[in-house]
Amino acid sequence: MKTRSCAAIASGLLLLAMPGLCAAQEPGKVNAGLAYAEAHCASCHAIEEDYTESPVANAPTFHLLANNPEINGRALAILLRTPHREMPDLIIEQADADNIIAYILSLKK
């Protein structure tokens, strides 16, 4: 009986840990995200890690976004789909959004 209880507890703990492990992994390809950002975002945003100012003054740098403690993959996904007054009305395919998110999060220090 003790063995069965220990196995059940161990299985339960493993299941509790798994969602956290899965959630820590962001979908998307960093290099594809950089390529998309170069083609579609760089005219307004500083997309490179060492750039401190964006071409458009109100556009946050990707490095700043990545290192904001309140920004994670989910927050970036919302930002990419939320219209902004200053931002063009872009329709970003899900795979491209995943890639942009992966790239931005790769800039986190």
C-alpha atoms as a PDB file:
ATOM      1  CA  MET A   1       0.000   0.000   0.000  1.00  0.00           C
ATOM      2  CA  LYS A   2       2.846   2.443   0.834  1.00  0.00           C
ATOM      3  CA  THR A   3       4.483   1.772  -2.527  1.00  0.00           C
ATOM      4  CA  ARG A   4       1.263   2.552  -4.387  1.00  0.00           C
ATOM      5  CA  SER A   5       0.811   5.802  -2.395  1.00  0.00           C
ATOM      6  CA  CYS A   6       4.383   6.902  -3.052  1.00  0.00           C
ATOM      7  CA  ALA A   7       4.000   6.147  -6.755  1.00  0.00           C
ATOM      8  CA  ALA A   8       0.736   8.104  -6.906  1.00  0.00           C
ATOM      9  CA  ILE A   9       2.301  11.089  -5.160  1.00  0.00           C
ATOM     10  CA  ALA A  10       5.354  10.977  -7.419  1.00  0.00           C
ATOM     11  CA  SER A  11       3.129  10.795 -10.512  1.00  0.00           C
ATOM     12  CA  GLY A  12       1.042  13.703  -9.266  1.00  0.00           C
ATOM     13  CA  LEU A  13       4.112  15.834  -8.633  1.00  0.00           C
ATOM     14  CA  LEU A  14       5.452  15.020 -12.080  1.00  0.00           C
ATOM     15  CA  LEU A  15       2.160  16.058 -13.691  1.00  0.00           C
ATOM     16  CA  LEU A  16       2.169  19.309 -11.728  1.00  0.00           C
ATOM     17  CA  ALA A  17       5.695  20.077 -12.907  1.00  0.00           C
ATOM     18  CA  MET A  18       5.032  19.304 -16.580  1.00  0.00           C
ATOM     19  CA  PRO A  19       2.797  22.281 -17.424  1.00  0.00           C
ATOM     20  CA  GLY A  20       5.495  24.612 -16.144  1.00  0.00           C
ATOM     21  CA  LEU A  21       8.080  22.919 -18.293  1.00  0.00           C
ATOM     22  CA  CYS A  22       5.871  23.092 -21.358  1.00  0.00           C
ATOM     23  CA  ALA A  23       4.933  26.721 -20.720  1.00  0.00           C
ATOM     24  CA  ALA A  24       8.597  27.718 -20.449  1.00  0.00           C
ATOM     25  CA  GLN A  25       9.191  26.743 -24.072  1.00  0.00           C
ATOM     26  CA  GLU A  26       8.129  29.367 -26.570  1.00  0.00           C
ATOM     27  CA  PRO A  27       7.180  28.310 -30.085  1.00  0.00           C
ATOM     28  CA  GLY A  28       8.870  29.896 -33.048  1.00  0.00           C
ATOM     29  CA  LYS A  29      12.244  30.171 -34.702  1.00  0.00           C
ATOM     30  CA  VAL A  30      14.592  32.929 -33.623  1.00  0.00           C
ATOM     31  CA  ASN A  31      16.321  33.351 -37.007  1.00  0.00           C
ATOM     32  CA  ALA A  32      12.995  33.488 -38.855  1.00  0.00           C
ATOM     33  CA  GLY A  33      11.779  36.077 -36.344  1.00  0.00           C
ATOM     34  CA  LEU A  34      14.855  38.225 -36.972  1.00  0.00           C
ATOM     35  CA  ALA A  35      14.333  37.965 -40.739  1.00  0.00           C
ATOM     36  CA  TYR A  36      10.674  38.985 -40.395  1.00  0.00           C
ATOM     37  CA  ALA A  37      11.597  41.851 -38.072  1.00  0.00           C
ATOM     38  CA  GLU A  38      14.227  43.096 -40.536  1.00  0.00           C
ATOM     39  CA  ALA A  39      11.657  43.088 -43.335  1.00  0.00           C
ATOM     40  CA  HIS A  40       8.618  44.445 -41.467  1.00  0.00           C
ATOM     41  CA  CYS A  41       9.572  46.021 -38.120  1.00  0.00           C
ATOM     42  CA  ALA A  42      12.977  47.684 -38.486  1.00  0.00           C
ATOM     43  CA  SER A  43      11.653  50.837 -40.137  1.00  0.00           C
ATOM     44  CA  CYS A  44      10.045  51.792 -36.796  1.00  0.00           C
ATOM     45  CA  HIS A  45      11.672  49.618 -34.097  1.00  0.00           C
ATOM     46  CA  ALA A  46      15.301  49.049 -33.185  1.00  0.00           C
ATOM     47  CA  ILE A  47      15.363  45.285 -33.575  1.00  0.00           C
ATOM     48  CA  GLU A  48      19.015  44.547 -32.844  1.00  0.00           C
ATOM     49  CA  GLU A  49      20.172  43.871 -29.310  1.00  0.00           C
ATOM     50  CA  ASP A  50      22.729  46.679 -29.169  1.00  0.00           C
ATOM     51  CA  TYR A  51      20.519  49.414 -30.680  1.00  0.00           C
ATOM     52  CA  THR A  52      19.232  51.740 -27.977  1.00  0.00           C
ATOM     53  CA  GLU A  53      17.022  54.046 -30.068  1.00  0.00           C
ATOM     54  CA  SER A  54      14.313  53.143 -32.531  1.00  0.00           C
ATOM     55  CA  PRO A  55      13.936  55.026 -35.831  1.00  0.00           C
ATOM     56  CA  VAL A  56      10.504  56.164 -34.582  1.00  0.00           C
ATOM     57  CA  ALA A  57      10.821  57.825 -31.181  1.00  0.00           C
ATOM     58  CA  ASN A  58       7.722  56.236 -29.576  1.00  0.00           C
ATOM     59  CA  ALA A  59       8.440  52.716 -30.853  1.00  0.00           C
ATOM     60  CA  PRO A  60      10.045  50.582 -28.132  1.00  0.00           C
ATOM     61  CA  THR A  61      13.229  48.753 -28.980  1.00  0.00           C
ATOM     62  CA  PHE A  62      12.977  44.975 -29.128  1.00  0.00           C
ATOM     63  CA  HIS A  63      15.692  44.802 -26.464  1.00  0.00           C
ATOM     64  CA  LEU A  64      13.613  46.990 -24.155  1.00  0.00           C
ATOM     65  CA  LEU A  65      10.545  44.804 -24.722  1.00  0.00           C
ATOM     66  CA  ALA A  66      12.520  41.630 -24.079  1.00  0.00           C
ATOM     67  CA  ASN A  67      13.943  42.890 -20.809  1.00  0.00           C
ATOM     68  CA  ASN A  68      10.744  44.339 -19.398  1.00  0.00           C
ATOM     69  CA  PRO A  69       9.869  42.050 -16.452  1.00  0.00           C
ATOM     70  CA  GLU A  70       6.165  42.336 -17.304  1.00  0.00           C
ATOM     71  CA  ILE A  71       6.656  41.067 -20.861  1.00  0.00           C
ATOM     72  CA  ASN A  72       6.516  37.357 -21.681  1.00  0.00           C
ATOM     73  CA  GLY A  73       5.431  35.361 -24.716  1.00  0.00           C
ATOM     74  CA  ARG A  74       1.740  35.786 -23.967  1.00  0.00           C
ATOM     75  CA  ALA A  75       2.089  39.549 -23.479  1.00  0.00           C
ATOM     76  CA  LEU A  76       3.976  39.846 -26.763  1.00  0.00           C
ATOM     77  CA  ALA A  77       1.289  37.835 -28.555  1.00  0.00           C
ATOM     78  CA  ILE A  78      -1.315  40.278 -27.244  1.00  0.00           C
ATOM     79  CA  LEU A  79       0.804  43.285 -28.235  1.00  0.00           C
ATOM     80  CA  LEU A  80       1.193  41.953 -31.767  1.00  0.00           C
ATOM     81  CA  ARG A  81      -2.568  41.610 -32.147  1.00  0.00           C
ATOM     82  CA  THR A  82      -3.618  44.847 -30.445  1.00  0.00           C
ATOM     83  CA  PRO A  83      -4.050  47.888 -32.699  1.00  0.00           C
ATOM     84  CA  HIS A  84      -1.950  50.905 -31.764  1.00  0.00           C
ATOM     85  CA  ARG A  85      -2.493  54.478 -32.905  1.00  0.00           C
ATOM     86  CA  GLU A  86       1.089  54.857 -34.063  1.00  0.00           C
ATOM     87  CA  MET A  87       1.535  51.318 -35.384  1.00  0.00           C
ATOM     88  CA  PRO A  88       0.422  50.294 -38.868  1.00  0.00           C
ATOM     89  CA  ASP A  89      -2.514  47.906 -38.994  1.00  0.00           C
ATOM     90  CA  LEU A  90      -0.541  44.745 -39.692  1.00  0.00           C
ATOM     91  CA  ILE A  91      -1.997  41.296 -40.021  1.00  0.00           C
ATOM     92  CA  ILE A  92       0.700  38.931 -38.825  1.00  0.00           C
ATOM     93  CA  GLU A  93       0.302  35.220 -39.527  1.00  0.00           C
ATOM     94  CA  GLN A  94       0.507  33.007 -36.431  1.00  0.00           C
ATOM     95  CA  ALA A  95       3.793  31.361 -37.471  1.00  0.00           C
ATOM     96  CA  ASP A  96       5.361  34.779 -38.085  1.00  0.00           C
ATOM     97  CA  ALA A  97       4.091  36.044 -34.728  1.00  0.00           C
ATOM     98  CA  ASP A  98       5.572  32.990 -33.013  1.00  0.00           C
ATOM     99  CA  ASN A  99       8.892  33.661 -34.742  1.00  0.00           C
ATOM    100  CA  ILE A 100       8.902  37.362 -33.782  1.00  0.00           C
ATOM    101  CA  ILE A 101       8.107  36.438 -30.183  1.00  0.00           C
ATOM    102  CA  ALA A 102      10.914  33.866 -30.147  1.00  0.00           C
ATOM    103  CA  TYR A 103      13.335  36.468 -31.514  1.00  0.00           C
ATOM    104  CA  ILE A 104      12.324  39.178 -29.057  1.00  0.00           C
ATOM    105  CA  LEU A 105      12.557  36.785 -26.108  1.00  0.00           C
ATOM    106  CA  SER A 106      16.015  35.697 -27.302  1.00  0.00           C
ATOM    107  CA  LEU A 107      17.187  39.247 -26.524  1.00  0.00           C
ATOM    108  CA  LYS A 108      16.405  38.834 -22.827  1.00  0.00           C
ATOM    109  CA  LYS A 109      19.480  39.277 -20.624  1.00  0.00           C
END
